[in-house]
Protein backbone atom coordinates (compact mmCIF):
# COMPACT_ATOMS: atom_id res chain seq x y z
CA MET A 1 25.87 -49.59 -58.05
CA ASN A 2 26.93 -51.66 -54.73
CA ASP A 3 27.82 -47.97 -54.14
CA PHE A 4 24.98 -47.01 -54.90
CA LYS A 5 23.01 -48.59 -52.46
CA ALA A 6 25.46 -48.68 -49.42
CA LEU A 7 24.71 -44.30 -49.68
CA ILE A 8 20.49 -44.90 -49.86
CA LYS A 9 21.33 -47.04 -47.16
CA PHE A 10 23.12 -44.50 -45.36
CA LEU A 11 20.88 -42.12 -45.96
CA ILE A 12 17.64 -44.28 -44.78
CA ASP A 13 19.78 -44.64 -41.94
CA GLY A 14 20.68 -41.58 -41.09
CA LYS A 15 17.10 -40.07 -40.97
CA TYR A 16 16.46 -42.33 -38.50
CA ILE A 17 18.60 -41.37 -36.66
CA LEU A 18 17.66 -38.14 -36.55
CA PHE A 19 14.00 -39.39 -35.60
CA THR A 20 15.65 -42.07 -32.61
CA MET A 21 17.12 -38.51 -31.58
CA LEU A 22 13.62 -36.41 -31.82
CA LEU A 23 11.85 -38.66 -30.34
CA CYS A 24 14.48 -39.29 -27.18
CA LEU A 25 14.51 -35.01 -26.90
CA LEU A 26 10.52 -35.09 -26.55
CA SER A 27 10.06 -38.28 -24.13
CA LEU A 28 13.36 -36.36 -21.38
CA HIS A 29 10.79 -33.09 -22.37
CA ALA A 30 7.46 -35.20 -20.89
CA LEU A 31 9.80 -36.78 -18.83
CA GLU A 32 11.12 -32.99 -17.22
CA SER A 33 6.92 -32.29 -17.16
CA LYS A 34 6.36 -34.60 -14.42
CA TYR A 35 10.15 -35.71 -11.91
CA SER A 36 12.38 -34.03 -10.93
CA ASP A 37 15.44 -32.56 -13.38
CA GLU A 38 17.15 -35.97 -11.80
CA GLU A 39 14.53 -38.14 -11.62
CA ALA A 40 13.68 -37.20 -14.49
CA THR A 41 16.98 -38.15 -15.33
CA ALA A 42 17.58 -41.62 -13.48
CA VAL A 43 13.38 -42.54 -15.66
CA TYR A 44 15.20 -41.33 -18.91
CA ALA A 45 18.25 -43.98 -18.40
CA CYS A 46 16.86 -46.55 -17.44
CA GLU A 47 13.97 -46.17 -20.35
CA LEU A 48 17.84 -46.52 -22.29
CA GLN A 49 18.95 -49.55 -20.56
CA GLN A 50 16.34 -51.52 -21.59
CA GLY A 51 14.73 -49.93 -25.08
CA LYS A 52 10.77 -49.47 -24.24
CA TRP A 53 8.77 -46.67 -23.02
CA ILE A 54 8.39 -47.84 -18.97
CA GLU A 55 6.31 -46.15 -16.62
CA ILE A 56 7.91 -45.61 -13.34
CA GLU A 57 6.33 -43.17 -10.17
CA ARG A 58 8.59 -41.53 -7.62
CA GLY A 59 10.82 -43.87 -6.04
CA GLY A 60 10.19 -46.80 -8.77
CA TYR A 61 13.60 -47.88 -9.72
CA CYS A 62 14.88 -50.14 -13.33
CA ASP A 63 14.98 -53.87 -12.98
C-alpha cells in the first residue's frame, strides 16, 4: 500500500513540475518581449531567486 501512495505522490508531483516548467517558460517569454535578452535573463533570475513575481524596471536590481 505504501508503494501505491508513493506512486500517486510521484504522479501528482510530476504534474506540478510540468506546470511549473510551463509557467517559467511563459514568464520568460513575456519578459523577453518587454526587455532585451540580457535584461530579461537578469530579471527572470531575480524572480526565481525570490520565489515570487516581482516587477523590475530597466536599471532595477534584485534585493
